[in-house]
Amino acid sequence: MADVVEVRLGTRGSPLALWQADWVTAELEGLGVRVQRVLIETTGDVRTGPIGQLAAQGVFTKEIQRALLDRQIDLAVHSLKDLP
């Protein structure tokens, strides 16, 4: 019996991010990969003013990238428009 591959998929909790993560999850599960979704709150998610007023780049991606580098997740789903 082959070992089941399991991955931790990091994503934001926005409706678009969840849809994208669900799509990737379905594709991976179709290949026999077990997927654990990990929701990550980013600076952009907790903003209080208009997004245009945030000076920093990567406000929707920095925390997800950090989780990937810290090996808290194995892969990440991003919208290309959010990458710096």
Protein backbone atom coordinates (compact mmCIF):
# COMPACT_ATOMS: atom_id res chain seq x y z
CA MET A 1 0.00 0.00 0.00
CA ALA A 2 1.38 3.40 -0.99
CA ASP A 3 1.75 6.18 1.55
CA VAL A 4 -0.81 8.96 1.25
CA VAL A 5 0.77 12.32 0.54
CA GLU A 6 -0.60 15.12 2.72
CA VAL A 7 0.06 18.83 2.20
CA ARG A 8 -0.87 21.96 4.13
CA LEU A 9 -2.31 24.61 1.80
CA GLY A 10 -2.05 28.20 3.04
CA THR A 11 -4.63 30.74 1.92
CA ARG A 12 -6.41 33.89 2.96
CA GLY A 13 -10.02 33.70 4.12
CA SER A 14 -11.55 35.98 1.49
CA PRO A 15 -14.25 34.52 -0.77
CA LEU A 16 -11.95 34.62 -3.83
CA ALA A 17 -9.01 33.07 -1.96
CA LEU A 18 -11.24 30.31 -0.58
CA TRP A 19 -12.63 29.57 -4.05
CA GLN A 20 -9.10 29.35 -5.45
CA ALA A 21 -7.97 27.14 -2.57
CA ASP A 22 -11.00 24.87 -3.05
CA TRP A 23 -10.16 24.52 -6.75
CA VAL A 24 -6.52 23.62 -6.02
CA THR A 25 -7.67 21.23 -3.27
CA ALA A 26 -10.03 19.43 -5.64
CA GLU A 27 -7.29 19.07 -8.26
CA LEU A 28 -4.80 17.69 -5.72
CA GLU A 29 -7.33 15.36 -4.13
CA GLY A 30 -8.10 14.05 -7.63
CA LEU A 31 -4.45 12.97 -7.72
CA GLY A 32 -4.75 11.23 -4.36
CA VAL A 33 -3.17 13.99 -2.27
CA ARG A 34 -4.77 14.77 1.09
CA VAL A 35 -5.02 18.54 1.64
CA GLN A 36 -5.28 20.41 4.93
CA ARG A 37 -6.33 24.03 4.39
CA VAL A 38 -4.67 26.58 6.69
CA LEU A 39 -6.30 30.02 6.87
CA ILE A 40 -3.85 32.87 7.32
CA GLU A 41 -4.88 36.41 8.24
CA THR A 42 -2.79 39.04 6.46
CA THR A 43 -2.14 42.72 7.10
CA GLY A 44 -4.46 43.54 4.20
CA ASP A 45 -7.25 41.52 5.79
CA VAL A 46 -7.21 43.54 9.02
CA ARG A 47 -6.88 46.98 7.42
CA THR A 48 -9.19 49.69 8.70
CA GLY A 49 -8.92 52.23 5.89
CA PRO A 50 -8.86 52.23 2.11
CA ILE A 51 -6.43 49.71 0.63
CA GLY A 52 -4.79 52.48 -1.39
CA GLN A 53 -3.56 54.07 1.84
CA LEU A 54 -1.47 51.03 2.76
CA ALA A 55 2.10 51.92 1.84
CA ALA A 56 3.63 48.47 2.22
CA GLN A 57 3.90 45.98 -0.61
CA GLY A 58 2.68 42.45 -0.11
CA VAL A 59 -0.06 43.34 2.38
CA PHE A 60 -2.06 40.30 1.21
CA THR A 61 0.90 37.93 0.85
CA LYS A 62 3.64 38.62 3.41
CA GLU A 63 2.21 36.48 6.23
CA ILE A 64 1.50 33.61 3.83
CA GLN A 65 5.05 33.76 2.50
CA ARG A 66 6.37 33.78 6.08
CA ALA A 67 4.30 30.68 6.92
CA LEU A 68 5.76 28.96 3.86
CA LEU A 69 9.33 29.89 4.80
CA ASP A 70 8.73 28.78 8.40
CA ARG A 71 7.37 25.43 7.09
CA GLN A 72 3.97 25.98 8.70
CA ILE A 73 2.46 25.31 5.26
CA ASP A 74 3.69 23.34 2.25
CA LEU A 75 2.19 25.43 -0.53
CA ALA A 76 0.28 28.67 -0.93
CA VAL A 77 -2.50 29.98 -3.13
CA HIS A 78 -2.26 33.64 -4.15
CA SER A 79 -3.95 35.90 -6.65
CA LEU A 80 -1.27 37.11 -9.04
CA LYS A 81 -2.56 40.67 -8.57
CA ASP A 82 -1.59 40.53 -4.86
CA LEU A 83 2.04 39.60 -5.43
CA PRO A 84 4.53 42.48 -5.19
